[in-house]
N, C-alpha and C. Protein backbone atom coordinates (compact mmCIF):
# COMPACT_ATOMS: atom_id res chain seq x y z
N MET A 1 32.93 34.10 -20.59
CA MET A 1 32.70 32.93 -21.21
C MET A 1 31.19 32.89 -21.60
N GLU A 2 30.90 32.38 -22.72
CA GLU A 2 29.50 32.18 -23.18
C GLU A 2 29.00 30.86 -22.77
N ARG A 3 27.66 30.81 -22.47
CA ARG A 3 27.06 29.47 -22.21
C ARG A 3 25.96 29.21 -23.06
N ARG A 4 25.83 27.99 -23.47
CA ARG A 4 24.69 27.52 -24.28
C ARG A 4 24.22 26.17 -23.85
N HIS A 5 22.91 25.99 -23.89
CA HIS A 5 22.37 24.65 -23.59
C HIS A 5 22.72 24.08 -22.21
N GLY A 6 22.91 25.01 -21.28
CA GLY A 6 23.19 24.60 -19.84
C GLY A 6 24.59 24.08 -19.55
N VAL A 7 25.49 24.21 -20.65
CA VAL A 7 26.91 23.85 -20.43
C VAL A 7 27.72 25.02 -20.89
N GLY A 8 29.01 25.05 -20.37
CA GLY A 8 29.83 26.12 -20.72
C GLY A 8 30.46 25.90 -22.04
N VAL A 9 30.38 26.90 -22.97
CA VAL A 9 31.02 26.74 -24.20
C VAL A 9 32.57 26.99 -23.99
N LEU A 10 33.35 26.34 -24.72
CA LEU A 10 34.88 26.44 -24.45
C LEU A 10 35.34 27.87 -24.54
N ARG A 11 36.33 28.17 -23.71
CA ARG A 11 36.88 29.51 -23.63
C ARG A 11 37.95 29.59 -24.84
N PRO A 12 37.84 30.70 -25.65
CA PRO A 12 38.73 30.74 -26.74
C PRO A 12 40.17 31.13 -26.40
N ALA A 13 41.13 30.65 -27.25
CA ALA A 13 42.49 31.06 -26.97
C ALA A 13 42.68 32.47 -27.49
N VAL A 14 43.79 33.11 -27.19
CA VAL A 14 44.09 34.45 -27.61
C VAL A 14 45.28 34.24 -28.52
N PRO A 15 45.35 34.68 -29.80
CA PRO A 15 44.16 35.25 -30.47
C PRO A 15 43.09 34.26 -30.69
N PRO A 16 41.88 34.69 -30.89
CA PRO A 16 40.63 33.83 -31.05
C PRO A 16 40.96 32.68 -32.06
N ALA A 17 40.60 31.50 -31.71
CA ALA A 17 40.68 30.37 -32.63
C ALA A 17 39.64 30.45 -33.76
N VAL A 18 40.09 30.15 -34.91
CA VAL A 18 39.24 30.26 -36.10
C VAL A 18 39.01 28.86 -36.61
N GLY A 19 37.71 28.53 -36.94
CA GLY A 19 37.45 27.30 -37.50
C GLY A 19 36.25 26.61 -36.80
N THR A 20 35.98 25.42 -37.10
CA THR A 20 34.88 24.66 -36.59
C THR A 20 35.46 23.63 -35.52
N PHE A 21 34.86 23.70 -34.37
CA PHE A 21 35.44 22.83 -33.31
C PHE A 21 34.31 22.12 -32.57
N ASN A 22 34.56 20.90 -32.09
CA ASN A 22 33.50 20.21 -31.24
C ASN A 22 33.63 20.78 -29.83
N ALA A 23 32.58 21.42 -29.31
CA ALA A 23 32.58 21.90 -28.04
C ALA A 23 31.98 20.90 -27.04
N ALA A 24 32.86 20.28 -26.40
CA ALA A 24 32.48 19.23 -25.40
C ALA A 24 33.53 19.18 -24.23
N THR A 25 33.17 18.39 -23.22
CA THR A 25 34.19 18.26 -22.16
C THR A 25 34.84 16.90 -22.38
N PRO A 26 36.07 16.79 -21.77
CA PRO A 26 36.62 15.47 -21.84
C PRO A 26 35.70 14.50 -21.10
N ALA A 27 35.76 13.18 -21.44
CA ALA A 27 34.85 12.18 -20.86
C ALA A 27 35.31 11.93 -19.40
N VAL A 28 34.30 11.68 -18.60
CA VAL A 28 34.57 11.32 -17.17
C VAL A 28 33.80 10.08 -16.88
N PRO A 29 34.35 9.23 -16.00
CA PRO A 29 33.66 8.05 -15.61
C PRO A 29 32.29 8.46 -15.05
N PHE A 30 31.33 7.55 -15.26
CA PHE A 30 29.99 7.79 -14.73
C PHE A 30 29.90 8.04 -13.27
N GLU A 31 30.72 7.26 -12.52
CA GLU A 31 30.70 7.46 -11.05
C GLU A 31 31.24 8.90 -10.67
N VAL A 32 32.20 9.40 -11.42
CA VAL A 32 32.74 10.69 -11.18
C VAL A 32 31.64 11.76 -11.40
N LEU A 33 30.92 11.54 -12.43
CA LEU A 33 29.87 12.50 -12.74
C LEU A 33 28.80 12.54 -11.60
N LEU A 34 28.38 11.29 -11.20
CA LEU A 34 27.42 11.18 -10.10
C LEU A 34 27.94 11.80 -8.82
N ARG A 35 29.19 11.41 -8.54
CA ARG A 35 29.80 11.97 -7.28
C ARG A 35 29.84 13.50 -7.35
N THR A 36 30.16 14.09 -8.45
CA THR A 36 30.27 15.54 -8.56
C THR A 36 28.86 16.21 -8.39
N VAL A 37 27.91 15.63 -9.04
CA VAL A 37 26.49 16.11 -8.88
C VAL A 37 26.06 16.05 -7.43
N ALA A 38 26.33 14.83 -6.71
CA ALA A 38 25.93 14.74 -5.27
C ALA A 38 26.62 15.76 -4.46
N ASP A 39 27.94 15.90 -4.68
CA ASP A 39 28.74 16.89 -3.94
C ASP A 39 28.21 18.33 -4.06
N GLU A 40 27.85 18.71 -5.30
CA GLU A 40 27.41 20.05 -5.58
C GLU A 40 26.00 20.30 -5.07
N VAL A 41 25.21 19.26 -5.11
CA VAL A 41 23.82 19.46 -4.62
C VAL A 41 23.73 19.26 -3.13
N GLY A 42 24.72 18.63 -2.59
CA GLY A 42 24.81 18.43 -1.07
C GLY A 42 24.05 17.20 -0.53
N VAL A 43 24.06 16.11 -1.34
CA VAL A 43 23.42 14.88 -0.96
C VAL A 43 24.50 13.80 -0.80
N ALA A 44 24.13 12.76 -0.01
CA ALA A 44 25.04 11.68 0.13
C ALA A 44 24.98 10.92 -1.16
N PHE A 45 26.17 10.36 -1.53
CA PHE A 45 26.25 9.53 -2.71
C PHE A 45 26.53 8.09 -2.28
N GLU A 46 25.55 7.19 -2.35
CA GLU A 46 25.70 5.85 -2.01
C GLU A 46 25.19 4.99 -3.21
N PRO A 47 26.11 4.79 -4.21
CA PRO A 47 25.65 4.01 -5.38
C PRO A 47 25.22 2.66 -5.13
N VAL A 48 24.17 2.22 -5.74
CA VAL A 48 23.74 0.80 -5.75
C VAL A 48 23.76 0.37 -7.22
N VAL A 49 24.70 -0.64 -7.47
CA VAL A 49 24.92 -1.11 -8.88
C VAL A 49 24.10 -2.34 -9.13
N LEU A 50 23.19 -2.32 -10.15
CA LEU A 50 22.50 -3.48 -10.58
C LEU A 50 23.06 -4.11 -11.77
N SER A 51 23.12 -5.35 -11.87
CA SER A 51 23.63 -6.07 -13.04
C SER A 51 22.63 -5.79 -14.20
N ASP A 52 23.11 -6.14 -15.38
CA ASP A 52 22.19 -6.07 -16.55
C ASP A 52 20.95 -6.87 -16.28
N GLU A 53 21.12 -8.11 -15.77
CA GLU A 53 19.98 -8.98 -15.46
C GLU A 53 19.07 -8.45 -14.48
N GLN A 54 19.60 -7.83 -13.41
CA GLN A 54 18.74 -7.20 -12.40
C GLN A 54 17.95 -6.04 -12.95
N ARG A 55 18.62 -5.19 -13.77
CA ARG A 55 17.87 -4.09 -14.36
C ARG A 55 16.76 -4.61 -15.25
N ALA A 56 17.05 -5.64 -16.09
CA ALA A 56 16.00 -6.19 -17.01
C ALA A 56 14.84 -6.73 -16.11
N VAL A 57 15.06 -7.57 -15.19
CA VAL A 57 14.05 -8.08 -14.24
C VAL A 57 13.20 -6.95 -13.58
N GLU A 58 13.94 -5.86 -13.22
CA GLU A 58 13.20 -4.72 -12.52
C GLU A 58 12.55 -3.74 -13.49
N GLY A 59 12.84 -3.91 -14.82
CA GLY A 59 12.29 -3.04 -15.80
C GLY A 59 12.99 -1.65 -15.73
N VAL A 60 14.20 -1.58 -15.23
CA VAL A 60 14.88 -0.30 -15.19
C VAL A 60 15.56 -0.07 -16.58
N ARG A 61 15.08 0.99 -17.17
CA ARG A 61 15.60 1.30 -18.60
C ARG A 61 16.75 2.19 -18.67
N ALA A 62 17.67 1.84 -19.46
CA ALA A 62 18.84 2.79 -19.68
C ALA A 62 18.24 4.05 -20.38
N TRP A 63 18.90 5.19 -20.06
CA TRP A 63 18.58 6.48 -20.61
C TRP A 63 17.22 7.07 -20.00
N ALA A 64 16.19 6.29 -20.05
CA ALA A 64 14.94 6.86 -19.52
C ALA A 64 14.85 6.82 -18.04
N ASP A 65 15.26 5.74 -17.40
CA ASP A 65 15.20 5.68 -15.98
C ASP A 65 16.61 6.07 -15.32
N LEU A 66 17.64 5.78 -16.13
CA LEU A 66 19.00 6.11 -15.69
C LEU A 66 19.57 7.01 -16.70
N PRO A 67 19.30 8.44 -16.64
CA PRO A 67 19.77 9.37 -17.63
C PRO A 67 21.27 9.25 -17.77
N LEU A 68 21.73 9.33 -19.03
CA LEU A 68 23.09 9.25 -19.56
C LEU A 68 23.70 7.84 -19.45
N TRP A 69 22.88 6.84 -18.97
CA TRP A 69 23.39 5.50 -18.98
C TRP A 69 23.00 4.81 -20.31
N LEU A 70 23.89 4.33 -21.00
CA LEU A 70 23.65 3.60 -22.37
C LEU A 70 24.11 2.18 -22.21
N ASP A 71 23.18 1.23 -22.38
CA ASP A 71 23.63 -0.14 -22.32
C ASP A 71 23.54 -0.82 -23.75
N ASP A 72 23.05 -0.06 -24.69
CA ASP A 72 22.95 -0.64 -26.05
C ASP A 72 24.35 -0.48 -26.68
N PRO A 73 25.00 -1.59 -27.06
CA PRO A 73 26.37 -1.50 -27.63
C PRO A 73 26.37 -0.62 -28.89
N THR A 74 25.38 -0.49 -29.63
CA THR A 74 25.28 0.40 -30.90
C THR A 74 25.28 1.84 -30.42
N MET A 75 25.05 2.17 -29.26
CA MET A 75 24.90 3.61 -28.79
C MET A 75 26.18 4.02 -28.00
N ARG A 76 27.07 3.10 -27.69
CA ARG A 76 28.20 3.38 -26.80
C ARG A 76 28.99 4.65 -27.12
N GLY A 77 29.10 4.92 -28.44
CA GLY A 77 29.91 6.09 -28.79
C GLY A 77 29.15 7.41 -28.86
N LEU A 78 27.81 7.37 -28.48
CA LEU A 78 27.03 8.58 -28.71
C LEU A 78 27.55 9.71 -27.92
N LEU A 79 28.07 9.57 -26.79
CA LEU A 79 28.57 10.70 -26.00
C LEU A 79 30.03 10.91 -26.10
N ASP A 80 30.69 10.15 -27.01
CA ASP A 80 32.21 10.28 -27.22
C ASP A 80 32.35 11.31 -28.39
N VAL A 81 32.98 12.44 -28.00
CA VAL A 81 33.26 13.41 -28.96
C VAL A 81 34.71 13.75 -29.01
N ASP A 82 35.27 13.79 -30.19
CA ASP A 82 36.68 14.06 -30.28
C ASP A 82 36.91 15.59 -30.24
N ILE A 83 37.64 16.03 -29.16
CA ILE A 83 37.79 17.51 -29.00
C ILE A 83 39.33 17.77 -29.14
N THR A 84 40.06 16.98 -29.79
CA THR A 84 41.42 17.16 -30.05
C THR A 84 41.75 18.45 -30.69
N ARG A 85 41.05 18.79 -31.78
CA ARG A 85 41.29 20.10 -32.46
C ARG A 85 41.01 21.24 -31.60
N ALA A 86 39.94 21.18 -30.83
CA ALA A 86 39.55 22.25 -29.87
C ALA A 86 40.62 22.50 -28.85
N LEU A 87 41.11 21.38 -28.34
CA LEU A 87 42.13 21.60 -27.28
C LEU A 87 43.44 22.09 -27.93
N ALA A 88 43.84 21.61 -29.09
CA ALA A 88 45.02 22.03 -29.74
C ALA A 88 44.93 23.60 -30.09
N ALA A 89 43.73 24.03 -30.35
CA ALA A 89 43.48 25.46 -30.61
C ALA A 89 43.48 26.26 -29.37
N GLY A 90 43.62 25.74 -28.18
CA GLY A 90 43.62 26.48 -26.88
C GLY A 90 42.28 26.59 -26.22
N LEU A 91 41.32 25.97 -26.76
CA LEU A 91 39.95 26.02 -26.13
C LEU A 91 39.97 25.09 -24.90
N ARG A 92 39.18 25.54 -23.86
CA ARG A 92 39.15 24.64 -22.62
C ARG A 92 37.73 24.68 -22.12
N ALA A 93 37.40 23.46 -21.65
CA ALA A 93 36.07 23.30 -21.07
C ALA A 93 36.01 23.85 -19.63
N ARG A 94 34.84 24.31 -19.14
CA ARG A 94 34.71 24.74 -17.75
C ARG A 94 34.64 23.51 -16.96
N PRO A 95 34.93 23.63 -15.68
CA PRO A 95 34.88 22.50 -14.81
C PRO A 95 33.46 21.89 -14.64
N LEU A 96 33.45 20.58 -14.55
CA LEU A 96 32.08 19.90 -14.38
C LEU A 96 31.34 20.47 -13.21
N ALA A 97 31.99 20.63 -12.09
CA ALA A 97 31.30 21.23 -10.87
C ALA A 97 30.59 22.47 -11.12
N ALA A 98 31.30 23.35 -11.95
CA ALA A 98 30.67 24.71 -12.24
C ALA A 98 29.46 24.48 -13.10
N THR A 99 29.45 23.57 -14.02
CA THR A 99 28.28 23.24 -14.89
C THR A 99 27.10 22.73 -14.06
N VAL A 100 27.52 21.80 -13.07
CA VAL A 100 26.47 21.28 -12.18
C VAL A 100 25.83 22.36 -11.37
N ARG A 101 26.57 23.30 -10.81
CA ARG A 101 26.09 24.34 -9.97
C ARG A 101 25.22 25.31 -10.86
N ASP A 102 25.62 25.64 -11.99
CA ASP A 102 24.84 26.52 -12.89
C ASP A 102 23.58 25.94 -13.29
N THR A 103 23.60 24.59 -13.67
CA THR A 103 22.37 23.81 -14.09
C THR A 103 21.40 23.81 -12.95
N LEU A 104 21.85 23.53 -11.67
CA LEU A 104 20.99 23.48 -10.57
C LEU A 104 20.38 24.87 -10.28
N ALA A 105 21.13 25.93 -10.47
CA ALA A 105 20.55 27.34 -10.36
C ALA A 105 19.58 27.55 -11.36
N TRP A 106 19.82 27.07 -12.63
CA TRP A 106 18.80 27.29 -13.62
C TRP A 106 17.60 26.54 -13.45
N VAL A 107 17.74 25.26 -12.93
CA VAL A 107 16.51 24.41 -12.59
C VAL A 107 15.66 25.15 -11.50
N ARG A 108 16.31 25.69 -10.62
CA ARG A 108 15.57 26.40 -9.44
C ARG A 108 14.92 27.66 -10.01
N THR A 109 15.46 28.34 -10.99
CA THR A 109 14.75 29.59 -11.53
C THR A 109 13.37 29.12 -12.28
N ARG A 110 13.34 27.82 -12.65
CA ARG A 110 12.13 27.32 -13.37
C ARG A 110 11.07 26.97 -12.26
N GLY A 111 11.37 27.05 -10.91
CA GLY A 111 10.49 26.66 -9.93
C GLY A 111 10.54 25.13 -9.65
N SER A 112 11.49 24.45 -10.24
CA SER A 112 11.58 23.05 -10.00
C SER A 112 12.32 22.75 -8.66
N ASP A 113 13.08 23.65 -8.18
CA ASP A 113 13.94 23.51 -7.02
C ASP A 113 14.61 22.12 -6.99
N GLU A 114 14.50 21.34 -5.90
CA GLU A 114 15.17 20.07 -5.79
C GLU A 114 14.15 18.97 -5.92
N ARG A 115 12.96 19.11 -6.36
CA ARG A 115 11.98 18.08 -6.42
C ARG A 115 12.30 17.04 -7.41
N ARG A 116 12.06 15.84 -7.05
CA ARG A 116 12.36 14.66 -7.97
C ARG A 116 11.32 14.66 -9.09
N PRO A 117 11.55 13.88 -10.19
CA PRO A 117 10.61 13.79 -11.31
C PRO A 117 9.18 13.56 -10.89
N ASP A 118 9.00 12.67 -9.87
CA ASP A 118 7.60 12.31 -9.43
C ASP A 118 6.86 13.40 -8.67
N GLU A 119 7.70 14.41 -8.22
CA GLU A 119 7.12 15.57 -7.45
C GLU A 119 6.99 16.83 -8.27
N GLN A 120 7.32 16.76 -9.55
CA GLN A 120 7.29 17.95 -10.37
C GLN A 120 5.96 17.97 -11.15
N PRO A 121 5.53 19.22 -11.50
CA PRO A 121 4.39 19.34 -12.41
C PRO A 121 4.59 18.57 -13.62
N ALA A 122 3.49 18.10 -14.24
CA ALA A 122 3.47 17.36 -15.42
C ALA A 122 4.29 18.00 -16.59
N ASP A 123 4.24 19.36 -16.64
CA ASP A 123 4.98 19.98 -17.75
C ASP A 123 6.38 20.35 -17.53
N ASP A 124 6.93 19.93 -16.37
CA ASP A 124 8.29 20.27 -15.96
C ASP A 124 9.21 19.12 -16.41
N LEU A 125 10.53 19.43 -16.25
CA LEU A 125 11.50 18.49 -16.58
C LEU A 125 11.25 17.13 -15.84
N ARG A 126 11.44 16.11 -16.64
CA ARG A 126 11.31 14.72 -16.05
C ARG A 126 12.47 13.86 -16.58
N ALA A 127 13.08 13.19 -15.68
CA ALA A 127 14.21 12.25 -16.01
C ALA A 127 14.46 11.39 -14.84
N GLY A 128 14.68 10.16 -15.10
CA GLY A 128 15.16 9.34 -13.99
C GLY A 128 13.97 8.59 -13.20
N LEU A 129 14.47 7.84 -12.25
CA LEU A 129 13.54 7.01 -11.44
C LEU A 129 12.86 7.93 -10.42
N THR A 130 11.68 7.55 -10.06
CA THR A 130 10.95 8.33 -9.04
C THR A 130 11.61 8.09 -7.66
N ARG A 131 11.44 8.95 -6.76
CA ARG A 131 11.96 8.83 -5.40
C ARG A 131 11.63 7.47 -4.81
N ALA A 132 10.34 7.14 -4.93
CA ALA A 132 9.92 5.83 -4.35
C ALA A 132 10.53 4.62 -5.03
N ARG A 133 10.64 4.62 -6.33
CA ARG A 133 11.28 3.57 -7.14
C ARG A 133 12.74 3.40 -6.79
N ASP A 134 13.40 4.55 -6.67
CA ASP A 134 14.91 4.63 -6.34
C ASP A 134 15.06 3.99 -4.93
N ALA A 135 14.21 4.37 -3.97
CA ALA A 135 14.32 3.83 -2.63
C ALA A 135 14.02 2.37 -2.54
N GLU A 136 13.04 1.89 -3.33
CA GLU A 136 12.73 0.44 -3.41
C GLU A 136 13.95 -0.36 -3.94
N LEU A 137 14.50 0.18 -5.06
CA LEU A 137 15.67 -0.59 -5.59
C LEU A 137 16.85 -0.57 -4.65
N ALA A 138 17.11 0.60 -4.01
CA ALA A 138 18.16 0.66 -3.12
C ALA A 138 18.06 -0.27 -1.87
N ALA A 139 16.85 -0.44 -1.37
CA ALA A 139 16.53 -1.29 -0.31
C ALA A 139 16.73 -2.76 -0.69
N ARG A 140 16.28 -3.06 -1.93
CA ARG A 140 16.40 -4.39 -2.44
C ARG A 140 17.88 -4.88 -2.78
N TYR A 141 18.60 -3.99 -3.36
CA TYR A 141 20.01 -4.32 -3.81
C TYR A 141 21.12 -3.71 -3.07
N GLY A 142 20.78 -2.74 -2.33
CA GLY A 142 21.91 -2.10 -1.55
C GLY A 142 22.67 -2.99 -0.63
N ALA A 143 23.83 -2.62 -0.09
CA ALA A 143 24.59 -3.42 0.78
C ALA A 143 24.06 -3.40 2.17
């Protein structure tokens, strides 16, 4: 299987499928994505859900502070990709857990290991809340 951009490209059918296809995985609920990442990384998953109002008061921004979270109704379909033709041609996505494992391995080769965005060098990958901000919000809004 060929890989591009940190995700697995779909496995071709035999004989090889010919044509142009959207290479994406079927959509999964956000909680399933987070649970899979936590399981593969080996950390506890204890979600704390903030309402739209709480996020606004706290200045928590969709996408920037919460990667992959879109709260703008005009952006809701951004991650929705129709893969009907690809599936009909016999193409299959690799499992989400395998993509998570391979992405973590790739991040570790960059020297980023498991550091959070606030612990990484300025030129490294940055996404999400800092460890301190995450803990602050979890303490304030957690059960």
